[in-house]
Amino acid sequence: LDPGGGLATYMARTMKDTDLLLAVSFRFYATEVVNVVEDAAARGISIVAISDSTLSPLAKSATVLFPVPEHEYTFSRSLAAPMCLAQALTVALASRLQGSEDEPRIPIVTGQ
């Protein structure tokens, strides 16, 4: 969901119980993200959450929580670890969806 224009809440309401919500939020947890996650959980939608702590407000609603602790830097926060985790989850899902090598659902890109 793209929170642009404050539409994430409205877009989230179109999800069905066969959908999966991937939610990411860290300390100072965005209110809209927390609200969307709580609403989705109440409607029976599965939620995979990436957050900085098992005490995150996303934790109570998440079906699966990946806690990615961050170091205490007052001037910035590194997103390297959560981005690597999100990419690993995406690649694993793509690999499962690939199915047959004879009829790939995901095109294979080569340098040729």
N, C-alpha and C. Protein backbone atom coordinates (compact mmCIF):
# COMPACT_ATOMS: atom_id res chain seq x y z
N LEU A 1 0.84 -1.18 0.00
CA LEU A 1 0.00 0.00 0.00
C LEU A 1 0.88 1.24 0.00
N ASP A 2 0.54 2.16 -0.81
CA ASP A 2 1.27 3.42 -0.89
C ASP A 2 0.49 4.46 -0.10
N PRO A 3 1.10 5.04 0.93
CA PRO A 3 0.36 5.98 1.75
C PRO A 3 0.17 7.34 1.09
N GLY A 4 0.63 7.50 -0.14
CA GLY A 4 0.51 8.78 -0.83
C GLY A 4 -0.92 9.30 -0.84
N GLY A 5 -1.07 10.54 -0.45
CA GLY A 5 -2.38 11.17 -0.47
C GLY A 5 -3.31 10.66 0.61
N GLY A 6 -2.80 9.92 1.58
CA GLY A 6 -3.64 9.42 2.66
C GLY A 6 -4.63 8.36 2.23
N LEU A 7 -4.32 7.65 1.15
CA LEU A 7 -5.27 6.67 0.62
C LEU A 7 -5.03 5.24 1.10
N ALA A 8 -3.97 5.00 1.85
CA ALA A 8 -3.64 3.63 2.27
C ALA A 8 -4.79 2.99 3.04
N THR A 9 -5.41 3.75 3.92
CA THR A 9 -6.52 3.21 4.71
C THR A 9 -7.66 2.75 3.81
N TYR A 10 -7.97 3.54 2.82
CA TYR A 10 -9.07 3.20 1.91
C TYR A 10 -8.71 2.03 1.00
N MET A 11 -7.47 2.01 0.52
CA MET A 11 -7.03 0.89 -0.32
C MET A 11 -7.02 -0.41 0.47
N ALA A 12 -6.63 -0.34 1.75
CA ALA A 12 -6.57 -1.53 2.59
C ALA A 12 -7.94 -2.16 2.78
N ARG A 13 -8.96 -1.35 2.74
CA ARG A 13 -10.32 -1.87 2.93
C ARG A 13 -10.79 -2.72 1.76
N THR A 14 -10.06 -2.70 0.66
CA THR A 14 -10.43 -3.53 -0.50
C THR A 14 -9.82 -4.92 -0.41
N MET A 15 -8.95 -5.16 0.58
CA MET A 15 -8.31 -6.47 0.73
C MET A 15 -9.34 -7.52 1.11
N LYS A 16 -9.09 -8.73 0.62
CA LYS A 16 -9.96 -9.87 0.94
C LYS A 16 -9.21 -10.81 1.88
N ASP A 17 -9.92 -11.76 2.45
CA ASP A 17 -9.28 -12.69 3.39
C ASP A 17 -8.29 -13.63 2.71
N THR A 18 -8.23 -13.61 1.39
CA THR A 18 -7.25 -14.42 0.66
C THR A 18 -5.97 -13.61 0.39
N ASP A 19 -5.97 -12.32 0.74
CA ASP A 19 -4.81 -11.46 0.54
C ASP A 19 -3.87 -11.55 1.74
N LEU A 20 -2.67 -11.04 1.54
CA LEU A 20 -1.67 -10.97 2.61
C LEU A 20 -1.18 -9.54 2.67
N LEU A 21 -1.09 -9.00 3.86
CA LEU A 21 -0.58 -7.65 4.06
C LEU A 21 0.83 -7.74 4.61
N LEU A 22 1.77 -7.08 3.94
CA LEU A 22 3.14 -6.95 4.45
C LEU A 22 3.26 -5.55 5.00
N ALA A 23 3.44 -5.44 6.31
CA ALA A 23 3.51 -4.14 6.97
C ALA A 23 4.90 -3.93 7.55
N VAL A 24 5.41 -2.72 7.37
CA VAL A 24 6.73 -2.37 7.89
C VAL A 24 6.61 -1.06 8.66
N SER A 25 7.05 -1.06 9.90
CA SER A 25 7.03 0.17 10.68
C SER A 25 8.03 0.05 11.82
N PHE A 26 8.67 1.17 12.14
CA PHE A 26 9.68 1.21 13.18
C PHE A 26 9.33 2.26 14.22
N ARG A 27 10.18 2.39 15.23
CA ARG A 27 9.94 3.30 16.35
C ARG A 27 9.36 4.63 15.89
N PHE A 28 8.40 5.10 16.61
CA PHE A 28 7.52 6.24 16.31
C PHE A 28 6.42 5.79 15.35
N TYR A 29 6.21 4.51 15.28
CA TYR A 29 5.26 3.78 14.43
C TYR A 29 4.18 4.69 13.83
N ALA A 30 4.15 4.71 12.51
CA ALA A 30 3.18 5.54 11.80
C ALA A 30 1.76 5.12 12.18
N THR A 31 0.98 6.07 12.61
CA THR A 31 -0.39 5.80 13.06
C THR A 31 -1.21 5.12 11.98
N GLU A 32 -1.08 5.59 10.74
CA GLU A 32 -1.88 5.00 9.66
C GLU A 32 -1.52 3.53 9.45
N VAL A 33 -0.24 3.20 9.53
CA VAL A 33 0.19 1.80 9.35
C VAL A 33 -0.38 0.93 10.47
N VAL A 34 -0.29 1.40 11.70
CA VAL A 34 -0.82 0.64 12.84
C VAL A 34 -2.33 0.45 12.68
N ASN A 35 -3.04 1.50 12.29
CA ASN A 35 -4.49 1.40 12.11
C ASN A 35 -4.87 0.42 11.01
N VAL A 36 -4.14 0.47 9.89
CA VAL A 36 -4.41 -0.43 8.77
C VAL A 36 -4.19 -1.88 9.20
N VAL A 37 -3.10 -2.12 9.93
CA VAL A 37 -2.79 -3.48 10.39
C VAL A 37 -3.87 -3.99 11.35
N GLU A 38 -4.27 -3.16 12.29
CA GLU A 38 -5.31 -3.58 13.25
C GLU A 38 -6.63 -3.86 12.55
N ASP A 39 -7.00 -3.01 11.59
CA ASP A 39 -8.25 -3.21 10.84
C ASP A 39 -8.18 -4.49 10.01
N ALA A 40 -7.05 -4.71 9.34
CA ALA A 40 -6.89 -5.91 8.51
C ALA A 40 -6.96 -7.17 9.37
N ALA A 41 -6.33 -7.15 10.52
CA ALA A 41 -6.36 -8.31 11.42
C ALA A 41 -7.78 -8.59 11.89
N ALA A 42 -8.52 -7.55 12.19
CA ALA A 42 -9.90 -7.72 12.64
C ALA A 42 -10.78 -8.32 11.54
N ARG A 43 -10.37 -8.14 10.28
CA ARG A 43 -11.13 -8.69 9.15
C ARG A 43 -10.60 -10.05 8.71
N GLY A 44 -9.65 -10.61 9.46
CA GLY A 44 -9.15 -11.95 9.17
C GLY A 44 -8.10 -12.03 8.09
N ILE A 45 -7.47 -10.91 7.77
CA ILE A 45 -6.42 -10.89 6.74
C ILE A 45 -5.09 -11.25 7.39
N SER A 46 -4.34 -12.13 6.75
CA SER A 46 -3.02 -12.52 7.26
C SER A 46 -2.06 -11.35 7.12
N ILE A 47 -1.21 -11.18 8.14
CA ILE A 47 -0.29 -10.05 8.16
C ILE A 47 1.11 -10.53 8.47
N VAL A 48 2.05 -10.15 7.62
CA VAL A 48 3.47 -10.35 7.89
C VAL A 48 4.02 -8.96 8.22
N ALA A 49 4.62 -8.83 9.40
CA ALA A 49 5.12 -7.53 9.84
C ALA A 49 6.62 -7.56 10.03
N ILE A 50 7.25 -6.47 9.64
CA ILE A 50 8.67 -6.24 9.90
C ILE A 50 8.72 -5.01 10.79
N SER A 51 9.31 -5.17 11.98
CA SER A 51 9.39 -4.05 12.90
C SER A 51 10.63 -4.18 13.76
N ASP A 52 10.86 -3.21 14.62
CA ASP A 52 12.09 -3.18 15.39
C ASP A 52 12.04 -3.94 16.71
N SER A 53 10.86 -4.41 17.11
CA SER A 53 10.75 -5.04 18.42
C SER A 53 9.52 -5.93 18.51
N THR A 54 9.60 -6.91 19.38
CA THR A 54 8.42 -7.73 19.65
C THR A 54 7.38 -6.95 20.45
N LEU A 55 7.74 -5.77 20.92
CA LEU A 55 6.81 -4.89 21.63
C LEU A 55 6.17 -3.86 20.70
N SER A 56 6.50 -3.94 19.43
CA SER A 56 5.93 -3.03 18.43
C SER A 56 4.41 -3.16 18.43
N PRO A 57 3.68 -2.07 18.15
CA PRO A 57 2.23 -2.18 18.06
C PRO A 57 1.75 -3.09 16.93
N LEU A 58 2.63 -3.41 15.98
CA LEU A 58 2.27 -4.33 14.90
C LEU A 58 2.25 -5.78 15.40
N ALA A 59 3.02 -6.06 16.45
CA ALA A 59 3.20 -7.43 16.92
C ALA A 59 1.90 -8.12 17.32
N LYS A 60 1.01 -7.39 17.99
CA LYS A 60 -0.21 -8.04 18.49
C LYS A 60 -1.16 -8.45 17.38
N SER A 61 -1.07 -7.79 16.22
CA SER A 61 -1.98 -8.10 15.11
C SER A 61 -1.35 -8.98 14.04
N ALA A 62 -0.03 -9.09 14.06
CA ALA A 62 0.67 -9.81 13.00
C ALA A 62 0.48 -11.32 13.11
N THR A 63 0.31 -11.95 11.96
CA THR A 63 0.30 -13.41 11.89
C THR A 63 1.73 -13.90 12.08
N VAL A 64 2.66 -13.21 11.42
CA VAL A 64 4.09 -13.49 11.53
C VAL A 64 4.80 -12.16 11.74
N LEU A 65 5.69 -12.11 12.72
CA LEU A 65 6.46 -10.89 12.99
C LEU A 65 7.94 -11.19 12.81
N PHE A 66 8.61 -10.36 12.04
CA PHE A 66 10.07 -10.42 11.91
C PHE A 66 10.63 -9.21 12.66
N PRO A 67 11.10 -9.41 13.89
CA PRO A 67 11.69 -8.28 14.60
C PRO A 67 13.12 -8.05 14.11
N VAL A 68 13.40 -6.83 13.69
CA VAL A 68 14.73 -6.46 13.21
C VAL A 68 15.22 -5.32 14.11
N PRO A 69 15.92 -5.67 15.20
CA PRO A 69 16.37 -4.62 16.12
C PRO A 69 17.30 -3.64 15.41
N GLU A 70 17.21 -2.39 15.81
CA GLU A 70 18.10 -1.38 15.24
C GLU A 70 18.92 -0.77 16.35
N HIS A 71 20.10 -0.30 15.98
CA HIS A 71 20.96 0.35 16.95
C HIS A 71 20.43 1.74 17.24
N GLU A 72 20.77 2.24 18.39
CA GLU A 72 20.31 3.57 18.78
C GLU A 72 21.22 4.64 18.17
N TYR A 73 20.81 5.15 17.04
CA TYR A 73 21.49 6.28 16.43
C TYR A 73 20.51 7.44 16.48
N THR A 74 20.93 8.55 17.04
CA THR A 74 20.01 9.66 17.17
C THR A 74 19.85 10.44 15.87
N PHE A 75 20.82 10.33 14.96
CA PHE A 75 20.77 11.16 13.76
C PHE A 75 20.22 10.44 12.54
N SER A 76 20.24 9.13 12.53
CA SER A 76 19.71 8.41 11.36
C SER A 76 19.45 6.96 11.73
N ARG A 77 18.80 6.28 10.82
CA ARG A 77 18.49 4.87 11.03
C ARG A 77 18.84 4.13 9.73
N SER A 78 19.51 3.01 9.88
CA SER A 78 19.85 2.21 8.71
C SER A 78 18.69 1.30 8.34
N LEU A 79 18.35 1.30 7.08
CA LEU A 79 17.28 0.42 6.60
C LEU A 79 17.84 -0.81 5.89
N ALA A 80 19.16 -1.01 5.97
CA ALA A 80 19.80 -2.11 5.25
C ALA A 80 19.24 -3.47 5.68
N ALA A 81 19.16 -3.73 6.97
CA ALA A 81 18.69 -5.04 7.44
C ALA A 81 17.23 -5.30 7.08
N PRO A 82 16.30 -4.36 7.35
CA PRO A 82 14.91 -4.65 6.96
C PRO A 82 14.72 -4.74 5.45
N MET A 83 15.50 -3.99 4.67
CA MET A 83 15.39 -4.08 3.21
C MET A 83 15.88 -5.44 2.73
N CYS A 84 16.97 -5.94 3.31
CA CYS A 84 17.47 -7.28 2.94
C CYS A 84 16.43 -8.34 3.28
N LEU A 85 15.80 -8.21 4.44
CA LEU A 85 14.77 -9.17 4.84
C LEU A 85 13.59 -9.12 3.88
N ALA A 86 13.13 -7.92 3.54
CA ALA A 86 12.00 -7.78 2.61
C ALA A 86 12.35 -8.38 1.25
N GLN A 87 13.59 -8.14 0.80
CA GLN A 87 14.01 -8.70 -0.49
C GLN A 87 14.08 -10.23 -0.42
N ALA A 88 14.59 -10.77 0.68
CA ALA A 88 14.67 -12.23 0.83
C ALA A 88 13.27 -12.85 0.81
N LEU A 89 12.32 -12.22 1.48
CA LEU A 89 10.94 -12.72 1.48
C LEU A 89 10.34 -12.68 0.07
N THR A 90 10.62 -11.60 -0.66
CA THR A 90 10.11 -11.46 -2.03
C THR A 90 10.71 -12.52 -2.95
N VAL A 91 12.01 -12.74 -2.84
CA VAL A 91 12.68 -13.74 -3.69
C VAL A 91 12.16 -15.14 -3.35
N ALA A 92 11.97 -15.43 -2.06
CA ALA A 92 11.45 -16.74 -1.67
C ALA A 92 10.04 -16.96 -2.21
N LEU A 93 9.21 -15.94 -2.15
CA LEU A 93 7.85 -16.04 -2.69
C LEU A 93 7.89 -16.23 -4.20
N ALA A 94 8.72 -15.47 -4.88
CA ALA A 94 8.84 -15.60 -6.33
C ALA A 94 9.30 -17.00 -6.71
N SER A 95 10.23 -17.55 -5.94
CA SER A 95 10.73 -18.89 -6.22
C SER A 95 9.61 -19.93 -6.07
N ARG A 96 8.78 -19.77 -5.06
CA ARG A 96 7.66 -20.70 -4.87
C ARG A 96 6.63 -20.57 -5.98
N LEU A 97 6.39 -19.35 -6.42
CA LEU A 97 5.40 -19.13 -7.47
C LEU A 97 5.90 -19.57 -8.84
N GLN A 98 7.21 -19.69 -8.96
CA GLN A 98 7.81 -20.06 -10.25
C GLN A 98 7.26 -21.37 -10.76
N GLY A 99 7.13 -22.35 -9.87
CA GLY A 99 6.55 -23.63 -10.26
C GLY A 99 7.42 -24.40 -11.23
N SER A 100 7.04 -24.44 -12.49
CA SER A 100 7.70 -25.25 -13.51
C SER A 100 8.75 -24.44 -14.27
N GLU A 101 9.90 -25.08 -14.53
CA GLU A 101 10.93 -24.42 -15.35
C GLU A 101 10.50 -24.34 -16.80
N ASP A 102 9.62 -25.26 -17.24
CA ASP A 102 9.17 -25.26 -18.63
C ASP A 102 8.23 -24.10 -18.93
N GLU A 103 7.43 -23.73 -17.95
CA GLU A 103 6.48 -22.63 -18.12
C GLU A 103 6.64 -21.64 -16.97
N PRO A 104 7.70 -20.83 -17.02
CA PRO A 104 7.94 -19.92 -15.90
C PRO A 104 6.87 -18.83 -15.81
N ARG A 105 6.42 -18.59 -14.59
CA ARG A 105 5.48 -17.49 -14.36
C ARG A 105 6.24 -16.18 -14.25
N ILE A 106 7.51 -16.29 -13.89
CA ILE A 106 8.36 -15.12 -13.76
C ILE A 106 9.40 -15.20 -14.86
N PRO A 107 9.45 -14.22 -15.77
CA PRO A 107 10.39 -14.29 -16.88
C PRO A 107 11.84 -14.32 -16.40
N ILE A 108 12.66 -15.06 -17.12
CA ILE A 108 14.08 -15.12 -16.82
C ILE A 108 14.77 -14.09 -17.70
N VAL A 109 15.51 -13.20 -17.06
CA VAL A 109 16.19 -12.13 -17.79
C VAL A 109 17.65 -12.52 -17.95
N THR A 110 18.15 -12.42 -19.18
CA THR A 110 19.56 -12.70 -19.44
C THR A 110 20.18 -11.51 -20.14
N GLY A 111 21.47 -11.50 -20.18
CA GLY A 111 22.19 -10.41 -20.82
C GLY A 111 22.31 -10.58 -22.32
N GLN A 112 21.64 -11.55 -22.90
CA GLN A 112 21.77 -11.82 -24.34
C GLN A 112 20.83 -11.00 -25.15
